[in-house]
Protein backbone atom coordinates (compact mmCIF):
# COMPACT_ATOMS: atom_id res chain seq x y z
CA UNK A 1 102.53 -59.44 -10.07
CA UNK A 2 101.88 -63.03 -11.13
CA UNK A 3 102.82 -64.21 -7.64
CA UNK A 4 99.62 -62.90 -6.05
CA UNK A 5 96.18 -64.46 -6.42
CA UNK A 6 92.74 -62.89 -6.12
CA UNK A 7 89.80 -65.16 -5.46
CA UNK A 8 86.17 -65.22 -4.40
CA UNK A 9 84.32 -67.24 -1.77
CA UNK A 10 80.65 -68.07 -1.28
CA UNK A 11 78.74 -70.07 1.30
CA UNK A 12 75.75 -70.44 -1.00
CA UNK A 13 73.77 -67.98 1.10
CA UNK A 14 70.04 -68.30 0.38
CA UNK A 15 69.19 -65.23 -1.67
CA UNK A 16 66.15 -63.04 -2.24
CA UNK A 17 64.15 -63.12 -5.44
CA UNK A 18 63.17 -59.86 -7.15
CA UNK A 19 59.89 -59.81 -5.19
CA UNK A 20 61.73 -60.07 -1.87
CA UNK A 21 60.86 -63.69 -1.14
CA UNK A 22 63.55 -66.28 -0.49
CA UNK A 23 64.85 -68.49 -3.27
CA UNK A 24 64.87 -72.24 -2.87
CA UNK A 25 68.19 -73.81 -1.95
CA UNK A 26 68.06 -75.70 -5.26
CA UNK A 27 67.86 -72.43 -7.21
CA UNK A 28 70.76 -71.00 -5.21
CA UNK A 29 72.86 -74.02 -6.19
CA UNK A 30 72.01 -73.51 -9.87
CA UNK A 31 72.82 -69.81 -9.60
CA UNK A 32 76.21 -70.65 -8.11
CA UNK A 33 77.20 -72.39 -11.34
CA UNK A 34 76.49 -69.21 -13.30
CA UNK A 35 78.53 -67.26 -10.71
CA UNK A 36 81.49 -69.60 -11.21
CA UNK A 37 81.24 -69.19 -14.98
CA UNK A 38 81.23 -65.41 -14.60
CA UNK A 39 84.26 -65.57 -12.29
CA UNK A 40 86.10 -67.79 -14.78
CA UNK A 41 85.34 -65.48 -17.70
CA UNK A 42 86.24 -62.35 -15.72
CA UNK A 43 89.75 -63.39 -14.73
CA UNK A 44 89.23 -64.45 -11.09
CA UNK A 45 91.92 -66.89 -9.93
CA UNK A 46 89.92 -69.02 -7.47
CA UNK A 47 86.39 -69.65 -6.23
CA UNK A 48 85.87 -71.24 -2.81
CA UNK A 49 82.69 -72.97 -1.62
CA UNK A 50 81.78 -73.10 2.07
CA UNK A 51 80.29 -76.12 3.86
CA UNK A 52 77.31 -75.65 6.19
CA UNK A 53 74.40 -77.74 7.42
CA UNK A 54 71.64 -75.18 8.06
CA UNK A 55 68.74 -73.61 6.17
CA UNK A 56 70.29 -70.21 5.40
CA UNK A 57 73.13 -71.76 3.34
CA UNK A 58 72.52 -74.08 0.39
CA UNK A 59 75.80 -76.00 0.32
CA UNK A 60 76.26 -79.05 2.52
CA UNK A 61 78.27 -81.04 -0.06
CA UNK A 62 80.79 -78.58 -1.54
CA UNK A 63 82.64 -81.21 -3.55
CA UNK A 64 79.51 -81.89 -5.63
CA UNK A 65 79.13 -78.18 -6.36
CA UNK A 66 82.83 -77.94 -7.17
CA UNK A 67 82.59 -80.82 -9.64
CA UNK A 68 79.76 -79.08 -11.48
CA UNK A 69 81.70 -75.80 -11.45
CA UNK A 70 84.85 -77.47 -12.77
CA UNK A 71 82.85 -78.99 -15.63
CA UNK A 72 81.42 -75.56 -16.55
CA UNK A 73 84.69 -73.58 -16.37
CA UNK A 74 88.04 -73.55 -18.16
CA UNK A 75 90.80 -72.04 -16.04
CA UNK A 76 89.64 -70.95 -12.59
CA UNK A 77 90.70 -73.00 -9.56
CA UNK A 78 87.85 -74.34 -7.43
CA UNK A 79 88.09 -75.20 -3.76
CA UNK A 80 86.44 -75.15 -0.36
CA UNK A 81 86.06 -72.40 2.19
CA UNK A 82 86.22 -74.49 4.36
CA UNK A 83 85.95 -78.28 4.54
CA UNK A 84 84.89 -79.14 8.10
CA UNK A 85 87.39 -81.94 8.58
CA UNK A 86 86.46 -82.46 12.24
CA UNK A 87 83.11 -84.02 11.32
CA UNK A 88 84.20 -85.84 8.17
CA UNK A 89 86.45 -88.81 7.55
CA UNK A 90 89.96 -87.92 6.35
CA UNK A 91 90.15 -90.94 4.06
CA UNK A 92 86.89 -90.06 2.31
CA UNK A 93 87.89 -86.38 2.09
CA UNK A 94 91.18 -87.36 0.48
CA UNK A 95 89.45 -89.70 -1.98
CA UNK A 96 86.84 -87.11 -2.97
CA UNK A 97 89.40 -84.37 -3.55
CA UNK A 98 91.90 -86.48 -5.46
CA UNK A 99 89.00 -87.60 -7.66
CA UNK A 100 88.11 -83.96 -8.28
CA UNK A 101 91.76 -83.13 -8.82
CA UNK A 102 91.90 -85.63 -11.64
CA UNK A 103 88.59 -84.62 -13.21
CA UNK A 104 89.52 -80.93 -13.18
CA UNK A 105 93.07 -81.42 -14.47
CA UNK A 106 94.57 -80.18 -11.22
CA UNK A 107 92.35 -77.14 -10.63
CA UNK A 108 91.19 -78.22 -7.16
CA UNK A 109 92.25 -76.87 -3.77
CA UNK A 110 90.86 -77.34 -0.29
CA UNK A 111 90.95 -75.34 2.91
CA UNK A 112 90.65 -77.49 6.00
CA UNK A 113 89.11 -76.10 9.17
CA UNK A 114 86.93 -76.73 12.18
CA UNK A 115 84.17 -74.40 10.98
CA UNK A 116 82.67 -71.45 12.84
CA UNK A 117 79.26 -73.19 12.98
CA UNK A 118 78.74 -76.37 14.98
CA UNK A 119 75.62 -77.94 13.42
CA UNK A 120 77.64 -80.74 11.82
CA UNK A 121 78.81 -82.11 15.19
CA UNK A 122 75.45 -83.44 16.48
CA UNK A 123 74.29 -84.12 12.91
CA UNK A 124 77.09 -86.62 12.32
CA UNK A 125 77.28 -87.93 15.87
CA UNK A 126 80.30 -86.06 17.23
CA UNK A 127 80.68 -84.55 20.68
CA UNK A 128 81.64 -80.88 20.91
CA UNK A 129 83.83 -81.66 23.92
CA UNK A 130 86.17 -83.31 21.39
CA UNK A 131 86.28 -80.17 19.21
CA UNK A 132 90.07 -79.68 19.43
CA UNK A 133 91.12 -83.31 19.44
CA UNK A 134 88.92 -84.25 16.48
CA UNK A 135 90.57 -81.70 14.23
CA UNK A 136 94.10 -82.41 15.40
CA UNK A 137 93.81 -86.17 14.92
CA UNK A 138 92.02 -85.96 11.58
CA UNK A 139 94.41 -83.35 10.22
CA UNK A 140 97.34 -85.54 11.20
CA UNK A 141 95.82 -88.48 9.32
CA UNK A 142 94.94 -86.36 6.28
CA UNK A 143 98.46 -84.97 5.90
CA UNK A 144 99.84 -88.50 6.20
CA UNK A 145 97.52 -89.61 3.38
CA UNK A 146 98.76 -86.69 1.26
CA UNK A 147 102.41 -87.54 1.68
CA UNK A 148 102.66 -91.32 2.10
CA UNK A 149 101.69 -94.10 -0.31
CA UNK A 150 101.09 -96.56 2.53
CA UNK A 151 99.74 -95.24 5.84
CA UNK A 152 99.81 -96.74 9.30
CA UNK A 153 98.12 -94.48 11.84
CA UNK A 154 96.29 -94.61 15.16
CA UNK A 155 94.42 -92.10 17.30
CA UNK A 156 91.80 -91.95 20.02
CA UNK A 157 88.70 -90.89 18.06
CA UNK A 158 88.95 -92.90 14.83
CA UNK A 159 89.73 -96.50 13.97
CA UNK A 160 93.44 -97.09 13.18
CA UNK A 161 94.91 -97.84 9.77
CA UNK A 162 97.65 -100.36 9.10
CA UNK A 163 99.48 -100.19 5.80
CA UNK A 164 96.47 -98.59 4.11
CA UNK A 165 96.64 -97.48 0.48
CA UNK A 166 94.09 -94.90 -0.65
CA UNK A 167 93.06 -94.20 -4.24
CA UNK A 168 93.08 -92.36 -6.54
CA UNK A 169 96.43 -90.72 -5.91
CA UNK A 170 96.67 -87.08 -6.93
CA UNK A 171 98.27 -86.50 -10.31
CA UNK A 172 100.59 -83.71 -9.21
CA UNK A 173 100.45 -81.72 -5.94
CA UNK A 174 97.11 -81.23 -4.18
CA UNK A 175 97.02 -77.71 -2.72
CA UNK A 176 95.79 -77.81 0.88
CA UNK A 177 95.44 -74.85 3.26
CA UNK A 178 94.59 -74.52 6.95
CA UNK A 179 91.83 -72.03 7.75
CA UNK A 180 92.81 -69.92 10.77
CA UNK A 181 90.24 -67.88 12.67
CA UNK A 182 92.65 -66.09 14.97
CA UNK A 183 94.33 -68.29 17.55
CA UNK A 184 98.09 -68.80 17.98
CA UNK A 185 97.49 -72.54 18.33
CA UNK A 186 95.97 -72.68 14.85
CA UNK A 187 98.95 -70.84 13.39
CA UNK A 188 101.40 -73.25 15.01
CA UNK A 189 99.32 -76.19 13.80
CA UNK A 190 99.69 -74.99 10.20
CA UNK A 191 103.46 -74.75 10.62
CA UNK A 192 103.69 -78.12 12.36
CA UNK A 193 101.91 -79.79 9.43
CA UNK A 194 103.87 -77.76 6.83
CA UNK A 195 100.76 -76.23 5.26
CA UNK A 196 99.92 -72.69 4.18
CA UNK A 197 97.32 -70.85 6.24
CA UNK A 198 94.53 -68.54 5.19
CA UNK A 199 93.30 -66.03 7.76
CA UNK A 200 89.53 -65.61 8.13
CA UNK A 201 89.35 -61.87 8.88
CA UNK A 202 85.65 -61.12 9.15
CA UNK A 203 85.66 -58.19 11.56
CA UNK A 204 87.89 -55.49 12.94
CA UNK A 205 91.06 -54.04 11.46
CA UNK A 206 93.07 -56.48 9.33
CA UNK A 207 96.23 -55.20 11.02
CA UNK A 208 95.31 -57.04 14.22
CA UNK A 209 96.23 -60.27 12.38
CA UNK A 210 99.82 -59.13 11.74
CA UNK A 211 101.06 -60.89 14.94
CA UNK A 212 99.70 -64.18 13.57
CA UNK A 213 101.62 -63.70 10.32
CA UNK A 214 104.76 -62.86 12.30
CA UNK A 215 104.23 -65.93 14.49
CA UNK A 216 103.90 -68.12 11.41
CA UNK A 217 107.23 -66.93 10.02
CA UNK A 218 108.97 -67.14 13.40
CA UNK A 219 107.74 -70.71 13.87
CA UNK A 220 108.87 -71.67 10.37
CA UNK A 221 112.32 -70.31 11.12
CA UNK A 222 112.53 -72.15 14.44
CA UNK A 223 111.45 -75.41 12.79
CA UNK A 224 113.85 -74.83 9.88
CA UNK A 225 110.89 -74.91 7.50
CA UNK A 226 110.33 -72.91 4.32
CA UNK A 227 107.27 -70.64 4.76
CA UNK A 228 104.35 -70.97 2.37
CA UNK A 229 102.57 -68.01 0.76
CA UNK A 230 99.68 -66.99 3.03
CA UNK A 231 96.12 -65.85 2.33
CA UNK A 232 93.22 -63.79 3.68
CA UNK A 233 89.45 -64.32 3.47
CA UNK A 234 87.17 -61.32 4.09
CA UNK A 235 83.68 -60.22 2.98
CA UNK A 236 82.96 -57.53 0.41
CA UNK A 237 80.94 -56.24 -2.52
CA UNK A 238 81.81 -54.21 -5.62
CA UNK A 239 79.44 -51.83 -7.41
CA UNK A 240 79.68 -48.78 -9.66
CA UNK A 241 79.50 -46.34 -6.74
CA UNK A 242 80.41 -46.57 -3.08
CA UNK A 243 76.84 -45.72 -2.12
CA UNK A 244 75.35 -48.39 -4.38
CA UNK A 245 77.65 -51.01 -2.83
CA UNK A 246 76.57 -49.99 0.66
CA UNK A 247 72.86 -50.00 -0.12
CA UNK A 248 72.96 -53.30 -1.99
CA UNK A 249 74.92 -55.05 0.73
CA UNK A 250 73.32 -53.67 3.88
CA UNK A 251 70.02 -55.55 3.99
CA UNK A 252 71.55 -58.98 3.33
CA UNK A 253 74.36 -58.30 5.77
CA UNK A 254 71.92 -57.12 8.42
CA UNK A 255 69.73 -60.21 7.97
CA UNK A 256 72.50 -62.76 8.33
CA UNK A 257 74.34 -60.97 11.15
CA UNK A 258 71.11 -60.48 13.08
CA UNK A 259 70.30 -64.18 12.85
CA UNK A 260 73.79 -65.28 13.84
CA UNK A 261 73.75 -62.70 16.64
CA UNK A 262 70.56 -64.17 18.08
CA UNK A 263 72.13 -67.63 18.04
CA UNK A 264 75.36 -66.52 19.69
CA UNK A 265 74.14 -63.81 22.05
CA UNK A 266 75.49 -60.83 20.11
CA UNK A 267 73.63 -57.49 20.03
CA UNK A 268 71.83 -56.62 16.77
CA UNK A 269 74.11 -55.16 14.10
CA UNK A 270 73.54 -51.43 13.59
CA UNK A 271 74.05 -49.27 10.54
CA UNK A 272 76.77 -47.44 12.48
CA UNK A 273 78.58 -50.75 13.10
CA UNK A 274 78.28 -51.52 9.39
CA UNK A 275 79.68 -48.16 8.30
CA UNK A 276 82.53 -48.41 10.81
CA UNK A 277 83.49 -51.84 9.49
CA UNK A 278 83.64 -50.47 5.94
CA UNK A 279 85.79 -47.52 6.95
CA UNK A 280 88.10 -49.09 9.51
CA UNK A 281 87.47 -52.84 9.46
CA UNK A 282 87.28 -55.82 7.16
CA UNK A 283 84.34 -55.07 4.87
CA UNK A 284 85.60 -54.40 1.35
CA UNK A 285 82.72 -52.40 -0.11
CA UNK A 286 82.65 -49.79 -2.84
CA UNK A 287 83.76 -49.03 -6.36
CA UNK A 288 86.46 -51.11 -8.03
CA UNK A 289 89.02 -48.46 -7.10
CA UNK A 290 87.86 -48.26 -3.47
CA UNK A 291 87.95 -52.04 -3.04
CA UNK A 292 91.23 -52.50 -4.92
CA UNK A 293 93.02 -49.95 -2.75
CA UNK A 294 91.78 -51.58 0.45
CA UNK A 295 92.69 -55.11 -0.69
CA UNK A 296 96.16 -54.00 -1.79
CA UNK A 297 96.73 -52.26 1.55
CA UNK A 298 95.77 -55.42 3.45
CA UNK A 299 97.97 -57.66 1.28
CA UNK A 300 100.96 -55.36 1.63
CA UNK A 301 100.47 -54.82 5.37
CA UNK A 302 100.17 -58.52 6.15
CA UNK A 303 102.55 -59.74 3.46
CA UNK A 304 100.05 -62.24 2.03
CA UNK A 305 99.94 -63.50 -1.54
CA UNK A 306 96.26 -64.45 -1.78
CA UNK A 307 93.07 -62.52 -1.05
CA UNK A 308 89.65 -64.19 -1.32
CA UNK A 309 86.59 -61.95 -1.03
CA UNK A 310 83.36 -63.55 0.19
CA UNK A 311 80.92 -62.07 -2.31
CA UNK A 312 77.75 -63.73 -1.01
CA UNK A 313 76.02 -61.92 1.85
CA UNK A 314 72.84 -63.33 3.29
CA UNK A 315 69.91 -62.48 1.05
CA UNK A 316 71.92 -60.35 -1.42
CA UNK A 317 70.32 -61.20 -4.81
CA UNK A 318 72.06 -63.27 -7.47
CA UNK A 319 71.99 -60.44 -10.05
CA UNK A 320 73.87 -58.12 -7.67
CA UNK A 321 76.44 -60.83 -7.05
CA UNK A 322 76.92 -61.36 -10.78
CA UNK A 323 77.60 -57.63 -11.22
CA UNK A 324 80.06 -57.77 -8.33
CA UNK A 325 81.92 -60.78 -9.74
CA UNK A 326 82.35 -59.13 -13.14
CA UNK A 327 83.65 -55.89 -11.64
CA UNK A 328 85.94 -57.77 -9.26
CA UNK A 329 87.48 -59.86 -12.03
CA UNK A 330 87.72 -57.26 -14.78
CA UNK A 331 88.54 -54.13 -12.77
CA UNK A 332 89.49 -54.83 -9.15
CA UNK A 333 92.02 -57.59 -9.82
CA UNK A 334 94.12 -55.68 -12.39
CA UNK A 335 94.23 -52.66 -10.08
CA UNK A 336 95.26 -54.74 -7.08
CA UNK A 337 98.05 -56.39 -9.07
CA UNK A 338 99.34 -52.99 -10.13
CA UNK A 339 99.13 -51.51 -6.62
CA UNK A 340 100.84 -54.49 -4.98
CA UNK A 341 103.58 -54.48 -7.63
CA UNK A 342 104.30 -50.82 -6.84
CA UNK A 343 104.37 -51.64 -3.12
């Protein structure tokens, strides 16, 4: 049972106040510290902070939020969900996270990805035509920095390094994941760089990701490489009744999905779509028992050792999220451990 981990993720979604108006981003950031404290006290293993550069999410500098969270908590691991490495500098990312690793006594992790939003590319002067190459080159440099004391490296989109030493060095292993949205190339990239992957399953049946898990293990075998424990990230909400969870979550979910749909040309999300995703897809909504059973089923089906539930959902209020975190830590996690142990 101790081998599995149950975490939470948030993007710092801008929430509603009690009167229905939007909170300031500054207040959302302050509320996130209380959410991390609740997660720590409730027995949650990990809290991940997303990086975005847009007005509906408050976090553009996750490492700063993580530092504040680490200072306010005792045992929970803090990390990113994800760090958009493509539009950052690998040397600076390494320096920031090894600094945090030292300050938190080793409680820091990071998930590296390309991000599902693209606002950071023009913001930081990158061209979207280099989307693939940026991540591949920067990931290659980052993993070299992790594993070598002195790095010589060259690529096409960043200045080369010759015998560079980067400080501080991590005191003990720095846990680094690759975020995978559902492409075979991303899976093979994780294996090639000898890193664990976490699957972002945000829609449809979780079972459709089983081929990616199988591919990961097949590639590890072919490369004579020991596989890492794998993870899943999916959205959800826990309440005292299934109906309360649905009603709390729906308006915030509808708001954010409608906005993203307009930006990407998707049709508006319907209540029927929402209900179908709860029943057959990757929305983990309901009572502690309902959510625990669904998480355990996903973990057993995919053979993963970590499940992180994104508990923030558009304008879903802070108080509702605090209730969810407490139920998740105190009731969902023990049930999932028991169910997974039984198999």
